[in-house]
Amino acid sequence: MSKSRSDLSYYLAADKRVYGITKRFPSFYGDWHWKFLIALRNEEYHANNSGLLHRVCKKFWAMIHAHYGIMMGWDIPINTFGPGLKINHFGLIIVNANARIGAFCDIHQGVNIGQHGSSPDDVPVIGDNVWIGPGAKIFGKIRIASRCAIGANAVVNKSFDEEGITIAGIPAVKISDSGNPYIKE
């Protein structure tokens, strides 16, 4: 959660790094992923601070965030993802506002991270460096450890506390001891 200008800079730099972006500003036309993340991170920063200027800026960035979210099919609320968020494709992605996902998450289209039950804390907590495949459904008061890979179309409704594993299936089960294949250790 970014509360200071240095936090905001760190989040934006981490988001740029996962896409391999080296230029300073997005293109006038294109770079939609990057523009979405800039709006998301700026709205987070202003929402996490108080004062009239922050309230005004939050409204401004919320409109831009909503615009790119609708354009790309993403419903990703503020303060849910850590730095280094990588979204691979246009297409439906829905994330509950109470879910917490760690740093350097790699997410594909068709993913739903949601609530199961009536309590607002019945949502997933997902670790760092997690790869979430296309069409995965993750819901309920569960924990997913860091460095895991969640297979395409997996339905994850129970916790997996072992780090660096691959889970897949309906319902999801551990299928491999090797986790996120894109982490360079």
C-alpha atoms as a PDB file:
ATOM      1  CA  MET A   1       0.000   0.000   0.000  1.00  0.00           C
ATOM      2  CA  SER A   2       1.600   3.260  -1.075  1.00  0.00           C
ATOM      3  CA  LYS A   3       1.382   6.069   1.461  1.00  0.00           C
ATOM      4  CA  SER A   4       4.349   8.219   0.478  1.00  0.00           C
ATOM      5  CA  ARG A   5       5.759   9.580  -2.770  1.00  0.00           C
ATOM      6  CA  SER A   6       8.694   7.159  -2.478  1.00  0.00           C
ATOM      7  CA  ASP A   7       6.237   4.231  -2.117  1.00  0.00           C
ATOM      8  CA  LEU A   8       4.383   5.430  -5.216  1.00  0.00           C
ATOM      9  CA  SER A   9       7.654   5.691  -7.166  1.00  0.00           C
ATOM     10  CA  TYR A  10       8.681   2.196  -6.048  1.00  0.00           C
ATOM     11  CA  TYR A  11       5.328   0.664  -7.080  1.00  0.00           C
ATOM     12  CA  LEU A  12       5.390   2.386 -10.485  1.00  0.00           C
ATOM     13  CA  ALA A  13       9.022   1.365 -11.088  1.00  0.00           C
ATOM     14  CA  ALA A  14       8.293  -2.260 -10.146  1.00  0.00           C
ATOM     15  CA  ASP A  15       5.255  -2.326 -12.443  1.00  0.00           C
ATOM     16  CA  LYS A  16       7.367  -0.930 -15.318  1.00  0.00           C
ATOM     17  CA  ARG A  17      10.151  -3.432 -14.654  1.00  0.00           C
ATOM     18  CA  VAL A  18       7.923  -6.510 -14.979  1.00  0.00           C
ATOM     19  CA  TYR A  19       6.851  -5.335 -18.440  1.00  0.00           C
ATOM     20  CA  GLY A  20      10.433  -4.539 -19.450  1.00  0.00           C
ATOM     21  CA  ILE A  21       9.524  -0.897 -20.114  1.00  0.00           C
ATOM     22  CA  THR A  22      12.521   1.391 -20.376  1.00  0.00           C
ATOM     23  CA  LYS A  23      10.987   4.601 -21.716  1.00  0.00           C
ATOM     24  CA  ARG A  24       9.908   7.326 -19.324  1.00  0.00           C
ATOM     25  CA  PHE A  25       6.292   7.917 -20.425  1.00  0.00           C
ATOM     26  CA  PRO A  26       3.644   5.756 -22.117  1.00  0.00           C
ATOM     27  CA  SER A  27       2.888   6.310 -25.784  1.00  0.00           C
ATOM     28  CA  PHE A  28      -0.033   8.544 -26.711  1.00  0.00           C
ATOM     29  CA  TYR A  29      -1.736   5.543 -28.318  1.00  0.00           C
ATOM     30  CA  GLY A  30      -1.066   2.111 -26.825  1.00  0.00           C
ATOM     31  CA  ASP A  31       0.678   1.032 -23.654  1.00  0.00           C
ATOM     32  CA  TRP A  32      -2.773   0.331 -22.165  1.00  0.00           C
ATOM     33  CA  HIS A  33      -1.483  -1.995 -19.445  1.00  0.00           C
ATOM     34  CA  TRP A  34       0.995   0.595 -18.279  1.00  0.00           C
ATOM     35  CA  LYS A  35      -1.571   3.419 -18.344  1.00  0.00           C
ATOM     36  CA  PHE A  36      -3.961   1.298 -16.286  1.00  0.00           C
ATOM     37  CA  LEU A  37      -1.262   0.623 -13.682  1.00  0.00           C
ATOM     38  CA  ILE A  38      -0.282   4.307 -13.507  1.00  0.00           C
ATOM     39  CA  ALA A  39      -3.913   5.219 -12.796  1.00  0.00           C
ATOM     40  CA  LEU A  40      -4.314   2.383 -10.277  1.00  0.00           C
ATOM     41  CA  ARG A  41      -1.159   3.284  -8.349  1.00  0.00           C
ATOM     42  CA  ASN A  42      -1.905   7.018  -8.315  1.00  0.00           C
ATOM     43  CA  GLU A  43      -5.453   6.423  -7.097  1.00  0.00           C
ATOM     44  CA  GLU A  44      -4.059   4.162  -4.344  1.00  0.00           C
ATOM     45  CA  TYR A  45      -1.578   6.821  -3.274  1.00  0.00           C
ATOM     46  CA  HIS A  46      -4.187   9.576  -3.047  1.00  0.00           C
ATOM     47  CA  ALA A  47      -6.756   7.301  -1.347  1.00  0.00           C
ATOM     48  CA  ASN A  48      -4.212   6.412   1.357  1.00  0.00           C
ATOM     49  CA  ASN A  49      -3.541  10.061   2.233  1.00  0.00           C
ATOM     50  CA  SER A  50      -5.782  12.771   3.643  1.00  0.00           C
ATOM     51  CA  GLY A  51      -6.408  16.360   2.665  1.00  0.00           C
ATOM     52  CA  LEU A  52      -8.389  18.264   0.075  1.00  0.00           C
ATOM     53  CA  LEU A  53      -5.763  17.937  -2.667  1.00  0.00           C
ATOM     54  CA  HIS A  54      -5.573  14.154  -2.175  1.00  0.00           C
ATOM     55  CA  ARG A  55      -9.393  13.860  -2.316  1.00  0.00           C
ATOM     56  CA  VAL A  56      -9.522  15.826  -5.575  1.00  0.00           C
ATOM     57  CA  CYS A  57      -6.631  13.879  -7.104  1.00  0.00           C
ATOM     58  CA  LYS A  58      -8.178  10.573  -5.999  1.00  0.00           C
ATOM     59  CA  LYS A  59     -11.389  11.434  -7.898  1.00  0.00           C
ATOM     60  CA  PHE A  60      -9.354  12.336 -10.992  1.00  0.00           C
ATOM     61  CA  TRP A  61      -7.298   9.124 -10.922  1.00  0.00           C
ATOM     62  CA  ALA A  62     -10.408   7.051 -10.095  1.00  0.00           C
ATOM     63  CA  MET A  63     -12.025   8.221 -13.353  1.00  0.00           C
ATOM     64  CA  ILE A  64      -8.946   7.297 -15.374  1.00  0.00           C
ATOM     65  CA  HIS A  65      -8.602   3.961 -13.543  1.00  0.00           C
ATOM     66  CA  ALA A  66     -12.281   3.183 -14.246  1.00  0.00           C
ATOM     67  CA  HIS A  67     -11.899   4.189 -17.913  1.00  0.00           C
ATOM     68  CA  TYR A  68      -8.972   1.851 -18.558  1.00  0.00           C
ATOM     69  CA  GLY A  69     -10.544  -0.873 -16.420  1.00  0.00           C
ATOM     70  CA  ILE A  70     -13.721  -0.844 -18.512  1.00  0.00           C
ATOM     71  CA  MET A  71     -11.725  -0.631 -21.736  1.00  0.00           C
ATOM     72  CA  MET A  72      -9.637  -3.668 -20.832  1.00  0.00           C
ATOM     73  CA  GLY A  73     -12.258  -5.692 -18.929  1.00  0.00           C
ATOM     74  CA  TRP A  74     -10.507  -5.503 -15.560  1.00  0.00           C
ATOM     75  CA  ASP A  75     -12.173  -4.880 -12.206  1.00  0.00           C
ATOM     76  CA  ILE A  76      -9.115  -4.475 -10.000  1.00  0.00           C
ATOM     77  CA  PRO A  77      -9.708  -2.313  -6.923  1.00  0.00           C
ATOM     78  CA  ILE A  78      -7.055  -0.205  -5.253  1.00  0.00           C
ATOM     79  CA  ASN A  79      -4.831  -1.586  -2.474  1.00  0.00           C
ATOM     80  CA  THR A  80      -5.248  -5.244  -3.448  1.00  0.00           C
ATOM     81  CA  PHE A  81      -1.997  -5.996  -5.333  1.00  0.00           C
ATOM     82  CA  GLY A  82       1.570  -5.430  -4.218  1.00  0.00           C
ATOM     83  CA  PRO A  83       4.211  -3.841  -6.467  1.00  0.00           C
ATOM     84  CA  GLY A  84       5.204  -5.476  -9.731  1.00  0.00           C
ATOM     85  CA  LEU A  85       1.736  -6.476 -10.928  1.00  0.00           C
ATOM     86  CA  LYS A  86       1.829  -8.036 -14.393  1.00  0.00           C
ATOM     87  CA  ILE A  87      -1.417  -8.468 -16.295  1.00  0.00           C
ATOM     88  CA  ASN A  88      -0.762 -10.418 -19.467  1.00  0.00           C
ATOM     89  CA  HIS A  89      -3.846  -9.910 -21.636  1.00  0.00           C
ATOM     90  CA  PHE A  90      -6.973  -7.910 -22.187  1.00  0.00           C
ATOM     91  CA  GLY A  91     -10.028  -9.798 -20.892  1.00  0.00           C
ATOM     92  CA  LEU A  92     -12.161 -10.234 -17.855  1.00  0.00           C
ATOM     93  CA  ILE A  93     -10.372 -10.091 -14.488  1.00  0.00           C
ATOM     94  CA  ILE A  94     -12.388  -9.590 -11.303  1.00  0.00           C
ATOM     95  CA  VAL A  95     -10.785  -9.100  -7.889  1.00  0.00           C
ATOM     96  CA  ASN A  96     -12.620  -8.569  -4.608  1.00  0.00           C
ATOM     97  CA  ALA A  97     -11.651  -5.321  -2.881  1.00  0.00           C
ATOM     98  CA  ASN A  98     -10.812  -7.167   0.356  1.00  0.00           C
ATOM     99  CA  ALA A  99      -8.438  -9.696  -1.241  1.00  0.00           C
ATOM    100  CA  ARG A 100      -4.704  -9.217  -0.686  1.00  0.00           C
ATOM    101  CA  ILE A 101      -2.201 -10.302  -3.311  1.00  0.00           C
ATOM    102  CA  GLY A 102       1.560  -9.958  -2.821  1.00  0.00           C
ATOM    103  CA  ALA A 103       4.334  -8.455  -4.903  1.00  0.00           C
ATOM    104  CA  PHE A 104       5.217  -9.502  -8.442  1.00  0.00           C
ATOM    105  CA  CYS A 105       2.003 -11.373  -9.179  1.00  0.00           C
ATOM    106  CA  ASP A 106       1.554 -12.501 -12.788  1.00  0.00           C
ATOM    107  CA  ILE A 107      -2.132 -12.746 -13.701  1.00  0.00           C
ATOM    108  CA  HIS A 108      -3.887 -13.841 -16.901  1.00  0.00           C
ATOM    109  CA  GLN A 109      -7.344 -13.215 -18.357  1.00  0.00           C
ATOM    110  CA  GLY A 110     -10.518 -14.803 -17.045  1.00  0.00           C
ATOM    111  CA  VAL A 111      -9.331 -14.809 -13.412  1.00  0.00           C
ATOM    112  CA  ASN A 112     -11.757 -14.306 -10.550  1.00  0.00           C
ATOM    113  CA  ILE A 113     -10.443 -13.718  -7.023  1.00  0.00           C
ATOM    114  CA  GLY A 114     -13.506 -13.465  -4.864  1.00  0.00           C
ATOM    115  CA  GLN A 115     -15.420 -13.757  -1.651  1.00  0.00           C
ATOM    116  CA  HIS A 116     -17.139 -16.926  -0.468  1.00  0.00           C
ATOM    117  CA  GLY A 117     -19.577 -16.350   2.340  1.00  0.00           C
ATOM    118  CA  SER A 118     -21.107 -13.282   3.879  1.00  0.00           C
ATOM    119  CA  SER A 119     -18.145 -11.982   5.878  1.00  0.00           C
ATOM    120  CA  PRO A 120     -15.948  -9.409   4.112  1.00  0.00           C
ATOM    121  CA  ASP A 121     -12.834 -11.278   5.253  1.00  0.00           C
ATOM    122  CA  ASP A 122     -13.871 -14.493   3.461  1.00  0.00           C
ATOM    123  CA  VAL A 123     -11.400 -13.655   0.686  1.00  0.00           C
ATOM    124  CA  PRO A 124      -8.026 -15.040  -0.438  1.00  0.00           C
ATOM    125  CA  VAL A 125      -4.620 -13.874   0.729  1.00  0.00           C
ATOM    126  CA  ILE A 126      -2.055 -14.679  -1.947  1.00  0.00           C
ATOM    127  CA  GLY A 127       1.729 -14.511  -1.475  1.00  0.00           C
ATOM    128  CA  ASP A 128       4.487 -12.964  -3.583  1.00  0.00           C
ATOM    129  CA  ASN A 129       5.624 -14.145  -7.031  1.00  0.00           C
ATOM    130  CA  VAL A 130       2.467 -16.138  -7.742  1.00  0.00           C
ATOM    131  CA  TRP A 131       1.592 -17.027 -11.327  1.00  0.00           C
ATOM    132  CA  ILE A 132      -2.184 -17.239 -11.902  1.00  0.00           C
ATOM    133  CA  GLY A 133      -3.170 -18.982 -15.128  1.00  0.00           C
ATOM    134  CA  PRO A 134      -6.039 -18.097 -17.459  1.00  0.00           C
ATOM    135  CA  GLY A 135      -9.518 -18.766 -16.127  1.00  0.00           C
ATOM    136  CA  ALA A 136      -8.470 -19.552 -12.547  1.00  0.00           C
ATOM    137  CA  LYS A 137     -11.117 -19.053  -9.864  1.00  0.00           C
ATOM    138  CA  ILE A 138      -9.791 -18.400  -6.359  1.00  0.00           C
ATOM    139  CA  PHE A 139     -12.293 -17.796  -3.588  1.00  0.00           C
ATOM    140  CA  GLY A 140     -12.943 -18.121   0.127  1.00  0.00           C
ATOM    141  CA  LYS A 141     -10.919 -17.422   3.248  1.00  0.00           C
ATOM    142  CA  ILE A 142      -7.800 -19.180   1.996  1.00  0.00           C
ATOM    143  CA  ARG A 143      -4.054 -18.591   1.778  1.00  0.00           C
ATOM    144  CA  ILE A 144      -1.812 -19.316  -1.173  1.00  0.00           C
ATOM    145  CA  ALA A 145       1.901 -19.385  -0.367  1.00  0.00           C
ATOM    146  CA  SER A 146       4.545 -17.430  -2.287  1.00  0.00           C
ATOM    147  CA  ARG A 147       6.150 -18.659  -5.533  1.00  0.00           C
ATOM    148  CA  CYS A 148       3.196 -20.892  -6.450  1.00  0.00           C
ATOM    149  CA  ALA A 149       1.746 -21.447  -9.896  1.00  0.00           C
ATOM    150  CA  ILE A 150      -2.026 -21.797 -10.244  1.00  0.00           C
ATOM    151  CA  GLY A 151      -2.976 -23.700 -13.377  1.00  0.00           C
ATOM    152  CA  ALA A 152      -5.387 -22.606 -16.077  1.00  0.00           C
ATOM    153  CA  ASN A 153      -9.069 -23.004 -15.137  1.00  0.00           C
ATOM    154  CA  ALA A 154      -8.201 -24.168 -11.616  1.00  0.00           C
ATOM    155  CA  VAL A 155     -10.852 -23.746  -8.937  1.00  0.00           C
ATOM    156  CA  VAL A 156      -9.007 -22.978  -5.703  1.00  0.00           C
ATOM    157  CA  ASN A 157     -11.206 -23.099  -2.602  1.00  0.00           C
ATOM    158  CA  LYS A 158      -8.745 -24.330   0.038  1.00  0.00           C
ATOM    159  CA  SER A 159      -5.413 -23.090   1.366  1.00  0.00           C
ATOM    160  CA  PHE A 160      -2.009 -24.177   0.041  1.00  0.00           C
ATOM    161  CA  ASP A 161       0.691 -23.223   2.547  1.00  0.00           C
ATOM    162  CA  GLU A 162       3.631 -24.951   0.849  1.00  0.00           C
ATOM    163  CA  GLU A 163       5.779 -22.504  -1.119  1.00  0.00           C
ATOM    164  CA  GLY A 164       6.885 -23.081  -4.698  1.00  0.00           C
ATOM    165  CA  ILE A 165       4.304 -25.653  -5.803  1.00  0.00           C
ATOM    166  CA  THR A 166       1.954 -25.923  -8.750  1.00  0.00           C
ATOM    167  CA  ILE A 167      -1.753 -26.376  -8.104  1.00  0.00           C
ATOM    168  CA  ALA A 168      -4.400 -27.144 -10.694  1.00  0.00           C
ATOM    169  CA  GLY A 169      -7.698 -28.895 -11.225  1.00  0.00           C
ATOM    170  CA  ILE A 170     -11.312 -28.666 -10.101  1.00  0.00           C
ATOM    171  CA  PRO A 171     -11.075 -28.534  -7.132  1.00  0.00           C
ATOM    172  CA  ALA A 172      -7.403 -27.584  -7.096  1.00  0.00           C
ATOM    173  CA  VAL A 173      -4.799 -30.023  -5.793  1.00  0.00           C
ATOM    174  CA  LYS A 174      -1.000 -29.973  -5.697  1.00  0.00           C
ATOM    175  CA  ILE A 175       0.326 -31.438  -8.940  1.00  0.00           C
ATOM    176  CA  SER A 176       4.017 -30.514  -8.830  1.00  0.00           C
ATOM    177  CA  ASP A 177       6.833 -29.431  -6.527  1.00  0.00           C
ATOM    178  CA  SER A 178       7.980 -26.780  -9.003  1.00  0.00           C
ATOM    179  CA  GLY A 179       6.107 -23.496  -8.653  1.00  0.00           C
ATOM    180  CA  ASN A 180       6.184 -20.287 -10.661  1.00  0.00           C
ATOM    181  CA  PRO A 181       8.357 -21.060 -13.716  1.00  0.00           C
ATOM    182  CA  TYR A 182       9.133 -17.384 -14.371  1.00  0.00           C
ATOM    183  CA  ILE A 183      11.058 -16.662 -11.174  1.00  0.00           C
ATOM    184  CA  LYS A 184      14.793 -16.415 -11.694  1.00  0.00           C
ATOM    185  CA  GLU A 185      16.552 -17.504  -8.523  1.00  0.00           C
END
